[in-house]
N, C-alpha and C. Protein backbone atom coordinates (compact mmCIF):
# COMPACT_ATOMS: atom_id res chain seq x y z
N MET A 1 44.33 87.58 233.26
CA MET A 1 45.68 87.40 232.73
C MET A 1 46.35 86.32 233.57
N SER A 2 46.99 85.40 232.92
CA SER A 2 47.65 84.35 233.68
C SER A 2 48.85 84.92 234.44
N ILE A 3 49.16 84.33 235.54
CA ILE A 3 50.30 84.78 236.34
C ILE A 3 51.57 84.69 235.52
N TYR A 4 51.68 83.65 234.71
CA TYR A 4 52.86 83.43 233.87
C TYR A 4 53.08 84.61 232.93
N LEU A 5 52.03 85.04 232.24
CA LEU A 5 52.17 86.11 231.25
C LEU A 5 52.17 87.50 231.88
N SER A 6 51.63 87.65 233.09
CA SER A 6 51.58 88.97 233.71
C SER A 6 52.97 89.48 234.07
N THR A 7 53.94 88.59 234.18
CA THR A 7 55.30 89.02 234.53
C THR A 7 56.09 89.44 233.29
N TYR A 8 55.56 89.23 232.10
CA TYR A 8 56.25 89.57 230.86
C TYR A 8 55.93 91.00 230.44
N ASP A 9 56.87 91.62 229.74
CA ASP A 9 56.59 92.93 229.16
C ASP A 9 55.86 92.74 227.83
N ASP A 10 55.41 93.84 227.23
CA ASP A 10 54.62 93.78 226.00
C ASP A 10 55.35 93.06 224.88
N GLN A 11 56.64 93.30 224.74
CA GLN A 11 57.40 92.68 223.66
C GLN A 11 57.44 91.17 223.80
N SER A 12 57.59 90.70 225.00
CA SER A 12 57.61 89.26 225.23
C SER A 12 56.23 88.64 224.95
N ILE A 13 55.20 89.35 225.36
CA ILE A 13 53.85 88.85 225.12
C ILE A 13 53.55 88.87 223.61
N LEU A 14 54.00 89.92 222.91
CA LEU A 14 53.82 89.98 221.45
C LEU A 14 54.54 88.83 220.76
N LEU A 15 55.71 88.48 221.27
CA LEU A 15 56.45 87.35 220.71
C LEU A 15 55.67 86.05 220.90
N GLU A 16 55.09 85.89 222.06
CA GLU A 16 54.24 84.72 222.32
C GLU A 16 53.01 84.73 221.41
N LEU A 17 52.46 85.93 221.19
CA LEU A 17 51.30 86.07 220.32
C LEU A 17 51.65 85.66 218.89
N GLN A 18 52.83 86.06 218.42
CA GLN A 18 53.27 85.68 217.07
C GLN A 18 53.34 84.17 216.91
N ASN A 19 53.62 83.50 217.99
CA ASN A 19 53.71 82.03 217.98
C ASN A 19 52.33 81.38 218.14
N GLY A 20 51.27 82.21 218.16
CA GLY A 20 49.92 81.67 218.23
C GLY A 20 49.42 81.37 219.63
N ASN A 21 50.10 81.87 220.64
CA ASN A 21 49.70 81.63 222.02
C ASN A 21 48.45 82.46 222.34
N ASP A 22 47.31 81.79 222.47
CA ASP A 22 46.08 82.52 222.72
C ASP A 22 46.03 83.14 224.11
N LYS A 23 46.81 82.59 225.04
CA LYS A 23 46.88 83.18 226.38
C LYS A 23 47.61 84.54 226.31
N ALA A 24 48.55 84.67 225.38
CA ALA A 24 49.23 85.95 225.18
C ALA A 24 48.22 86.98 224.65
N PHE A 25 47.37 86.53 223.73
CA PHE A 25 46.34 87.42 223.21
C PHE A 25 45.40 87.85 224.34
N ASP A 26 44.98 86.89 225.16
CA ASP A 26 44.10 87.20 226.29
C ASP A 26 44.75 88.22 227.23
N ALA A 27 46.07 88.06 227.45
CA ALA A 27 46.79 88.98 228.33
C ALA A 27 46.78 90.40 227.75
N LEU A 28 47.04 90.52 226.45
CA LEU A 28 47.01 91.85 225.81
C LEU A 28 45.60 92.43 225.82
N TYR A 29 44.65 91.59 225.55
CA TYR A 29 43.25 92.02 225.52
C TYR A 29 42.84 92.57 226.89
N ASP A 30 43.15 91.81 227.94
CA ASP A 30 42.81 92.24 229.30
C ASP A 30 43.53 93.53 229.67
N LYS A 31 44.77 93.63 229.26
CA LYS A 31 45.59 94.78 229.63
C LYS A 31 45.18 96.06 228.88
N TYR A 32 44.81 95.94 227.61
CA TYR A 32 44.61 97.12 226.77
C TYR A 32 43.18 97.38 226.30
N TRP A 33 42.21 96.52 226.66
CA TRP A 33 40.85 96.73 226.20
C TRP A 33 40.32 98.10 226.64
N ASP A 34 40.45 98.43 227.91
CA ASP A 34 39.96 99.71 228.42
C ASP A 34 40.65 100.89 227.74
N PHE A 35 41.94 100.75 227.50
CA PHE A 35 42.73 101.80 226.84
C PHE A 35 42.18 102.10 225.44
N VAL A 36 41.93 101.05 224.66
CA VAL A 36 41.43 101.21 223.29
C VAL A 36 39.99 101.73 223.32
N TYR A 37 39.16 101.14 224.16
CA TYR A 37 37.77 101.56 224.26
C TYR A 37 37.66 103.03 224.65
N THR A 38 38.40 103.45 225.65
CA THR A 38 38.35 104.84 226.12
C THR A 38 38.80 105.79 225.02
N SER A 39 39.82 105.43 224.31
CA SER A 39 40.31 106.26 223.21
C SER A 39 39.25 106.41 222.12
N ALA A 40 38.58 105.33 221.78
CA ALA A 40 37.53 105.38 220.76
C ALA A 40 36.32 106.17 221.27
N TYR A 41 35.96 105.94 222.51
CA TYR A 41 34.78 106.62 223.07
C TYR A 41 34.98 108.12 223.16
N LYS A 42 36.18 108.56 223.51
CA LYS A 42 36.46 110.00 223.59
C LYS A 42 36.19 110.69 222.26
N ARG A 43 36.48 110.02 221.17
CA ARG A 43 36.29 110.62 219.85
C ARG A 43 34.86 110.48 219.34
N LEU A 44 34.20 109.37 219.68
CA LEU A 44 32.88 109.09 219.12
C LEU A 44 31.71 109.46 220.03
N GLN A 45 31.94 109.41 221.33
CA GLN A 45 30.86 109.64 222.31
C GLN A 45 29.69 108.68 222.06
N ASN A 46 30.02 107.44 221.65
CA ASN A 46 29.00 106.45 221.36
C ASN A 46 29.52 105.10 221.86
N THR A 47 28.84 104.55 222.86
CA THR A 47 29.29 103.32 223.51
C THR A 47 29.39 102.14 222.54
N GLU A 48 28.34 101.93 221.77
CA GLU A 48 28.32 100.77 220.86
C GLU A 48 29.39 100.87 219.78
N GLN A 49 29.53 102.05 219.18
CA GLN A 49 30.56 102.22 218.15
C GLN A 49 31.95 102.05 218.74
N ALA A 50 32.17 102.57 219.94
CA ALA A 50 33.48 102.43 220.59
C ALA A 50 33.78 100.96 220.88
N LYS A 51 32.77 100.21 221.33
CA LYS A 51 32.95 98.77 221.57
C LYS A 51 33.26 98.03 220.27
N ASP A 52 32.53 98.38 219.21
CA ASP A 52 32.75 97.73 217.91
C ASP A 52 34.17 97.98 217.41
N ILE A 53 34.62 99.21 217.52
CA ILE A 53 35.98 99.53 217.07
C ILE A 53 37.00 98.79 217.91
N THR A 54 36.77 98.73 219.21
CA THR A 54 37.70 98.03 220.11
C THR A 54 37.80 96.55 219.73
N GLN A 55 36.65 95.92 219.54
CA GLN A 55 36.65 94.51 219.15
C GLN A 55 37.35 94.31 217.81
N ASP A 56 37.09 95.20 216.87
CA ASP A 56 37.68 95.10 215.55
C ASP A 56 39.21 95.23 215.61
N ILE A 57 39.70 96.12 216.43
CA ILE A 57 41.15 96.31 216.55
C ILE A 57 41.80 95.05 217.12
N PHE A 58 41.19 94.47 218.14
CA PHE A 58 41.78 93.25 218.70
C PHE A 58 41.65 92.07 217.75
N LEU A 59 40.59 92.02 216.97
CA LEU A 59 40.46 90.97 215.95
C LEU A 59 41.57 91.12 214.90
N LYS A 60 41.80 92.34 214.46
CA LYS A 60 42.86 92.58 213.49
C LYS A 60 44.23 92.24 214.07
N LEU A 61 44.42 92.55 215.34
CA LEU A 61 45.68 92.22 216.02
C LEU A 61 45.89 90.70 216.01
N TRP A 62 44.85 89.96 216.32
CA TRP A 62 44.94 88.50 216.31
C TRP A 62 45.20 87.97 214.90
N ASN A 63 44.47 88.49 213.92
CA ASN A 63 44.63 88.02 212.54
C ASN A 63 46.00 88.34 211.95
N ALA A 64 46.61 89.41 212.42
CA ALA A 64 47.92 89.82 211.88
C ALA A 64 49.07 89.36 212.78
N ARG A 65 48.79 88.52 213.74
CA ARG A 65 49.77 88.16 214.77
C ARG A 65 51.08 87.59 214.22
N GLN A 66 51.03 86.83 213.15
CA GLN A 66 52.25 86.18 212.65
C GLN A 66 53.21 87.17 212.01
N ASN A 67 52.69 88.26 211.46
CA ASN A 67 53.54 89.25 210.78
C ASN A 67 53.65 90.55 211.55
N LEU A 68 53.22 90.55 212.79
CA LEU A 68 53.15 91.76 213.59
C LEU A 68 54.54 92.24 214.01
N GLN A 69 54.85 93.47 213.64
CA GLN A 69 56.12 94.09 214.05
C GLN A 69 55.77 95.38 214.77
N VAL A 70 55.66 95.33 216.08
CA VAL A 70 55.24 96.48 216.87
C VAL A 70 56.30 96.78 217.92
N ALA A 71 56.84 98.00 217.87
CA ALA A 71 57.86 98.40 218.84
C ALA A 71 57.22 98.98 220.10
N ASN A 72 56.09 99.68 219.93
CA ASN A 72 55.43 100.34 221.05
C ASN A 72 53.94 100.02 220.96
N LEU A 73 53.49 99.04 221.73
CA LEU A 73 52.11 98.58 221.62
C LEU A 73 51.08 99.65 221.96
N PRO A 74 51.23 100.43 223.03
CA PRO A 74 50.23 101.47 223.29
C PRO A 74 50.12 102.48 222.13
N ALA A 75 51.25 102.87 221.55
CA ALA A 75 51.22 103.81 220.42
C ALA A 75 50.55 103.16 219.22
N TYR A 76 50.86 101.91 218.97
CA TYR A 76 50.25 101.17 217.85
C TYR A 76 48.73 101.11 218.02
N LEU A 77 48.27 100.79 219.23
CA LEU A 77 46.84 100.69 219.49
C LEU A 77 46.17 102.06 219.40
N GLN A 78 46.87 103.09 219.84
CA GLN A 78 46.33 104.45 219.76
C GLN A 78 46.12 104.86 218.30
N VAL A 79 47.12 104.61 217.46
CA VAL A 79 47.02 104.96 216.04
C VAL A 79 45.94 104.11 215.36
N ALA A 80 45.90 102.83 215.68
CA ALA A 80 44.87 101.95 215.09
C ALA A 80 43.47 102.43 215.47
N THR A 81 43.31 102.86 216.70
CA THR A 81 42.01 103.36 217.16
C THR A 81 41.65 104.63 216.42
N ARG A 82 42.59 105.56 216.38
CA ARG A 82 42.34 106.83 215.68
C ARG A 82 41.94 106.59 214.22
N ASN A 83 42.70 105.73 213.54
CA ASN A 83 42.41 105.45 212.13
C ASN A 83 41.05 104.78 211.96
N SER A 84 40.70 103.88 212.86
CA SER A 84 39.39 103.22 212.78
C SER A 84 38.26 104.21 213.00
N VAL A 85 38.45 105.13 213.92
CA VAL A 85 37.44 106.16 214.17
C VAL A 85 37.27 107.02 212.93
N PHE A 86 38.40 107.45 212.33
CA PHE A 86 38.33 108.29 211.13
C PHE A 86 37.62 107.56 209.99
N LYS A 87 37.92 106.28 209.82
CA LYS A 87 37.27 105.51 208.76
C LYS A 87 35.76 105.42 209.00
N LEU A 88 35.38 105.20 210.25
CA LEU A 88 33.97 105.11 210.58
C LEU A 88 33.28 106.45 210.31
N LEU A 89 33.89 107.54 210.74
CA LEU A 89 33.28 108.85 210.54
C LEU A 89 33.19 109.19 209.06
N GLU A 90 34.21 108.85 208.30
CA GLU A 90 34.18 109.12 206.87
C GLU A 90 33.09 108.29 206.19
N LYS A 91 32.94 107.05 206.64
CA LYS A 91 31.93 106.16 206.06
C LYS A 91 30.52 106.65 206.38
N GLU A 92 30.32 107.14 207.61
CA GLU A 92 29.00 107.58 208.03
C GLU A 92 28.63 108.95 207.50
N GLN A 93 29.64 109.75 207.26
CA GLN A 93 29.36 111.11 206.82
C GLN A 93 28.82 111.08 205.40
N LYS A 94 27.72 111.72 205.21
CA LYS A 94 27.09 111.73 203.90
C LYS A 94 27.27 113.09 203.28
N TYR A 95 28.07 113.13 202.24
CA TYR A 95 28.31 114.37 201.53
C TYR A 95 27.29 114.49 200.40
N THR A 96 26.76 115.66 200.25
CA THR A 96 25.91 115.93 199.10
C THR A 96 26.69 116.86 198.20
N PRO A 97 27.02 116.40 196.99
CA PRO A 97 27.78 117.27 196.09
C PRO A 97 27.03 118.58 195.85
N ALA A 98 27.79 119.66 195.81
CA ALA A 98 27.18 120.98 195.62
C ALA A 98 26.35 121.02 194.35
N SER A 99 26.81 120.34 193.31
CA SER A 99 26.07 120.35 192.05
C SER A 99 24.68 119.73 192.22
N GLU A 100 24.56 118.71 193.09
CA GLU A 100 23.25 118.10 193.33
C GLU A 100 22.33 119.05 194.08
N VAL A 101 22.88 119.78 195.05
CA VAL A 101 22.08 120.75 195.79
C VAL A 101 21.55 121.81 194.84
N MET A 102 22.44 122.29 193.96
CA MET A 102 22.04 123.30 192.99
C MET A 102 20.94 122.76 192.07
N LEU A 103 21.10 121.55 191.61
CA LEU A 103 20.11 120.94 190.72
C LEU A 103 18.77 120.78 191.43
N GLU A 104 18.83 120.36 192.68
CA GLU A 104 17.61 120.20 193.46
C GLU A 104 16.89 121.53 193.63
N CYS A 105 17.66 122.58 193.88
CA CYS A 105 17.06 123.91 194.00
C CYS A 105 16.37 124.29 192.70
N ARG A 106 17.03 124.01 191.61
CA ARG A 106 16.49 124.39 190.30
C ARG A 106 15.21 123.61 189.98
N THR A 107 15.20 122.31 190.23
CA THR A 107 14.04 121.50 189.90
C THR A 107 12.86 121.77 190.82
N SER A 108 13.15 122.24 192.03
CA SER A 108 12.05 122.53 192.95
C SER A 108 11.53 123.95 192.78
N ALA A 109 12.14 124.68 191.89
CA ALA A 109 11.72 126.08 191.68
C ALA A 109 10.34 126.11 191.05
N GLN A 110 9.43 126.82 191.73
CA GLN A 110 8.09 126.94 191.17
C GLN A 110 7.71 128.40 190.96
N GLN A 111 8.57 129.28 191.35
CA GLN A 111 8.28 130.69 191.19
C GLN A 111 9.37 131.32 190.35
N ALA A 112 9.02 132.42 189.66
CA ALA A 112 9.98 133.08 188.77
C ALA A 112 11.17 133.64 189.54
N ASP A 113 10.94 134.17 190.74
CA ASP A 113 12.05 134.74 191.50
C ASP A 113 12.99 133.66 192.03
N THR A 114 12.52 132.45 192.17
CA THR A 114 13.38 131.36 192.62
C THR A 114 14.43 131.04 191.56
N GLU A 115 14.08 131.12 190.29
CA GLU A 115 15.04 130.90 189.20
C GLU A 115 16.14 131.96 189.24
N ILE A 116 15.77 133.19 189.49
CA ILE A 116 16.76 134.27 189.58
C ILE A 116 17.66 134.02 190.80
N LEU A 117 17.05 133.66 191.90
CA LEU A 117 17.82 133.38 193.12
C LEU A 117 18.76 132.20 192.91
N TYR A 118 18.30 131.18 192.20
CA TYR A 118 19.14 130.03 191.90
C TYR A 118 20.37 130.48 191.10
N ARG A 119 20.15 131.29 190.08
CA ARG A 119 21.27 131.77 189.25
C ARG A 119 22.27 132.56 190.08
N GLU A 120 21.75 133.43 190.95
CA GLU A 120 22.63 134.22 191.82
C GLU A 120 23.40 133.31 192.77
N LEU A 121 22.72 132.33 193.30
CA LEU A 121 23.36 131.38 194.20
C LEU A 121 24.45 130.60 193.48
N PHE A 122 24.16 130.15 192.29
CA PHE A 122 25.14 129.40 191.53
C PHE A 122 26.35 130.27 191.17
N GLU A 123 26.10 131.51 190.80
CA GLU A 123 27.21 132.44 190.49
C GLU A 123 28.06 132.70 191.73
N ALA A 124 27.42 132.85 192.89
CA ALA A 124 28.16 133.06 194.13
C ALA A 124 29.02 131.83 194.46
N TYR A 125 28.46 130.66 194.23
CA TYR A 125 29.20 129.42 194.46
C TYR A 125 30.42 129.34 193.53
N GLN A 126 30.22 129.68 192.25
CA GLN A 126 31.32 129.65 191.29
C GLN A 126 32.42 130.65 191.67
N LYS A 127 32.02 131.85 192.10
CA LYS A 127 33.00 132.86 192.54
C LYS A 127 33.77 132.37 193.76
N MET A 128 33.04 131.76 194.67
CA MET A 128 33.65 131.24 195.88
C MET A 128 34.71 130.19 195.53
N ILE A 129 34.39 129.28 194.66
CA ILE A 129 35.34 128.26 194.23
C ILE A 129 36.48 128.92 193.44
N GLY A 130 36.17 129.92 192.63
CA GLY A 130 37.18 130.62 191.84
C GLY A 130 38.18 131.39 192.68
N SER A 131 37.83 131.68 193.93
CA SER A 131 38.75 132.42 194.80
C SER A 131 39.85 131.52 195.38
N LEU A 132 39.71 130.22 195.21
CA LEU A 132 40.72 129.28 195.69
C LEU A 132 41.89 129.21 194.71
N THR A 133 43.04 128.72 195.20
CA THR A 133 44.16 128.49 194.28
C THR A 133 43.76 127.36 193.33
N THR A 134 44.49 127.23 192.24
CA THR A 134 44.19 126.19 191.25
C THR A 134 44.21 124.80 191.89
N ALA A 135 45.23 124.54 192.71
CA ALA A 135 45.33 123.23 193.37
C ALA A 135 44.15 123.00 194.31
N GLN A 136 43.80 124.05 195.08
CA GLN A 136 42.68 123.91 196.01
C GLN A 136 41.37 123.69 195.25
N GLN A 137 41.18 124.38 194.12
CA GLN A 137 39.97 124.19 193.32
C GLN A 137 39.86 122.75 192.85
N THR A 138 40.96 122.23 192.34
CA THR A 138 40.97 120.85 191.82
C THR A 138 40.60 119.87 192.92
N ILE A 139 41.26 119.99 194.06
CA ILE A 139 41.03 119.07 195.18
C ILE A 139 39.60 119.22 195.70
N PHE A 140 39.14 120.46 195.86
CA PHE A 140 37.80 120.72 196.37
C PHE A 140 36.75 120.10 195.45
N LYS A 141 36.89 120.32 194.14
CA LYS A 141 35.92 119.78 193.19
C LYS A 141 35.94 118.25 193.17
N MET A 142 37.15 117.66 193.24
CA MET A 142 37.24 116.21 193.26
C MET A 142 36.56 115.64 194.50
N ARG A 143 36.72 116.32 195.64
CA ARG A 143 36.17 115.82 196.90
C ARG A 143 34.65 116.01 196.96
N TYR A 144 34.18 117.22 196.66
CA TYR A 144 32.78 117.53 196.92
C TYR A 144 31.88 117.42 195.69
N ASP A 145 32.41 117.62 194.51
CA ASP A 145 31.58 117.48 193.31
C ASP A 145 31.63 116.05 192.77
N GLN A 146 32.83 115.46 192.80
CA GLN A 146 33.00 114.11 192.25
C GLN A 146 32.94 113.04 193.34
N GLU A 147 32.84 113.46 194.59
CA GLU A 147 32.72 112.57 195.75
C GLU A 147 33.85 111.55 195.87
N GLN A 148 35.07 111.97 195.55
CA GLN A 148 36.22 111.08 195.69
C GLN A 148 36.77 111.19 197.11
N SER A 149 37.30 110.10 197.62
CA SER A 149 37.90 110.12 198.95
C SER A 149 39.25 110.83 198.87
N THR A 150 39.76 111.20 200.03
CA THR A 150 41.06 111.87 200.05
C THR A 150 42.16 110.94 199.53
N SER A 151 42.02 109.66 199.76
CA SER A 151 43.00 108.69 199.25
C SER A 151 42.95 108.63 197.73
N GLU A 152 41.75 108.62 197.17
CA GLU A 152 41.60 108.58 195.71
C GLU A 152 42.17 109.84 195.07
N ILE A 153 41.92 110.98 195.70
CA ILE A 153 42.43 112.25 195.18
C ILE A 153 43.96 112.25 195.21
N ALA A 154 44.51 111.82 196.33
CA ALA A 154 45.97 111.78 196.47
C ALA A 154 46.59 110.90 195.39
N GLN A 155 45.99 109.76 195.17
CA GLN A 155 46.51 108.84 194.15
C GLN A 155 46.39 109.44 192.75
N ALA A 156 45.25 110.06 192.45
CA ALA A 156 45.03 110.64 191.12
C ALA A 156 45.98 111.81 190.84
N LEU A 157 46.29 112.59 191.87
CA LEU A 157 47.15 113.76 191.69
C LEU A 157 48.62 113.49 191.98
N GLY A 158 48.91 112.31 192.48
CA GLY A 158 50.30 111.96 192.78
C GLY A 158 50.87 112.74 193.95
N ILE A 159 50.02 113.02 194.95
CA ILE A 159 50.46 113.72 196.15
C ILE A 159 50.05 112.90 197.37
N SER A 160 50.53 113.31 198.53
CA SER A 160 50.19 112.55 199.73
C SER A 160 48.77 112.86 200.19
N ARG A 161 48.20 111.92 200.91
CA ARG A 161 46.85 112.10 201.45
C ARG A 161 46.84 113.27 202.42
N LYS A 162 47.92 113.42 203.17
CA LYS A 162 48.03 114.52 204.13
C LYS A 162 47.98 115.87 203.41
N THR A 163 48.62 115.97 202.25
CA THR A 163 48.58 117.20 201.46
C THR A 163 47.16 117.49 201.02
N VAL A 164 46.45 116.47 200.57
CA VAL A 164 45.05 116.64 200.17
C VAL A 164 44.24 117.15 201.36
N GLN A 165 44.41 116.54 202.53
CA GLN A 165 43.67 116.95 203.71
C GLN A 165 44.00 118.39 204.10
N ASN A 166 45.28 118.75 204.01
CA ASN A 166 45.69 120.12 204.34
C ASN A 166 45.06 121.12 203.38
N GLN A 167 45.07 120.81 202.09
CA GLN A 167 44.49 121.71 201.09
C GLN A 167 42.98 121.84 201.29
N LEU A 168 42.30 120.74 201.61
CA LEU A 168 40.87 120.81 201.88
C LEU A 168 40.59 121.67 203.11
N GLY A 169 41.41 121.49 204.14
CA GLY A 169 41.25 122.29 205.37
C GLY A 169 41.41 123.77 205.08
N LYS A 170 42.44 124.13 204.32
CA LYS A 170 42.65 125.54 203.96
C LYS A 170 41.48 126.07 203.15
N SER A 171 41.00 125.26 202.20
CA SER A 171 39.86 125.69 201.36
C SER A 171 38.63 125.93 202.21
N ILE A 172 38.35 125.01 203.10
CA ILE A 172 37.16 125.12 203.93
C ILE A 172 37.25 126.34 204.85
N ASN A 173 38.43 126.56 205.43
CA ASN A 173 38.59 127.75 206.26
C ASN A 173 38.38 129.02 205.46
N GLN A 174 38.93 129.05 204.26
CA GLN A 174 38.80 130.22 203.40
C GLN A 174 37.36 130.45 202.96
N LEU A 175 36.61 129.37 202.79
CA LEU A 175 35.25 129.47 202.26
C LEU A 175 34.16 129.53 203.32
N ARG A 176 34.54 129.40 204.57
CA ARG A 176 33.55 129.28 205.65
C ARG A 176 32.51 130.41 205.62
N GLU A 177 32.95 131.66 205.55
CA GLU A 177 32.02 132.78 205.56
C GLU A 177 31.14 132.77 204.31
N SER A 178 31.75 132.48 203.17
CA SER A 178 30.98 132.44 201.93
C SER A 178 29.94 131.32 201.97
N LEU A 179 30.34 130.18 202.51
CA LEU A 179 29.40 129.06 202.61
C LEU A 179 28.24 129.41 203.52
N LEU A 180 28.51 130.11 204.59
CA LEU A 180 27.44 130.49 205.51
C LEU A 180 26.42 131.36 204.79
N ALA A 181 26.90 132.32 204.00
CA ALA A 181 25.99 133.19 203.25
C ALA A 181 25.16 132.37 202.26
N ILE A 182 25.79 131.41 201.59
CA ILE A 182 25.07 130.57 200.64
C ILE A 182 24.04 129.70 201.35
N LEU A 183 24.39 129.14 202.49
CA LEU A 183 23.44 128.30 203.22
C LEU A 183 22.25 129.11 203.72
N ILE A 184 22.49 130.33 204.15
CA ILE A 184 21.39 131.18 204.57
C ILE A 184 20.46 131.44 203.39
N CYS A 185 21.05 131.69 202.25
CA CYS A 185 20.27 131.93 201.04
C CYS A 185 19.46 130.68 200.67
N MET A 186 20.08 129.51 200.75
CA MET A 186 19.38 128.27 200.43
C MET A 186 18.24 128.02 201.42
N ALA A 187 18.49 128.28 202.70
CA ALA A 187 17.45 128.09 203.69
C ALA A 187 16.26 128.99 203.39
N TRP A 188 16.55 130.21 202.98
CA TRP A 188 15.48 131.13 202.61
C TRP A 188 14.67 130.58 201.43
N MET A 189 15.36 129.92 200.50
CA MET A 189 14.68 129.38 199.32
C MET A 189 13.72 128.24 199.71
N TYR A 190 14.10 127.46 200.73
CA TYR A 190 13.29 126.30 201.08
C TYR A 190 12.14 126.64 202.03
N PHE A 191 12.27 127.73 202.76
CA PHE A 191 11.25 128.02 203.78
C PHE A 191 10.44 129.24 203.44
C-alpha cells in the first residue's frame, strides 16, 4: 500500500477507486484480501475455492468501481463473500428430484417384492408431502421435483426469496424423520 493511500480511510480510498485510481484498488486489495479469503475459507474449508471467490469479489469491486456506493466496506465485503459462497454451494449441489429416484427404483426392480416395496415407498413419500401445508407443498415440489431455484420459486409465487427459504427449512425440519425412514428403505432396496 502506498504511503499516500495508507493515511486515507476506506471512504476516501473508495472515492479514489471510483475515479479509476488503480493504486486505491491496490490499497483496498492489500488491506482486505485476508479478510475476504478467511471469511470464504471458514465457510468452504477449501483453499482453492476460497481464493477463487476472493479474486472474483475484488474483480467485481474493480468492475463496479464507477457506480460503487458503499457506506461500510467490511460489511459490504462480508455480504459479497457470503453470497458468493452460497452461489457456489448451490451451483455445486446436485439435487436429484424425488420423482427420478422413484422412477429409478421402479426401473431397476427385478423382483416381485421390489415392486410392492416401491409402491409402499411412493405412498409414504406422498403422505409425507401431504403432511405439509399447501404453501409448503407447492414450494417443496417446485424446488425438489421441478428443480427450480429459490429465486425462480419466489418470482413465480410473488413472494420473497427469504420466505421461500424459510418455508423450505420448515418443510425439511418437519420431514427429516420421515425422510430418514424412506432413505433406509431405499438403501435396503439397493443392497
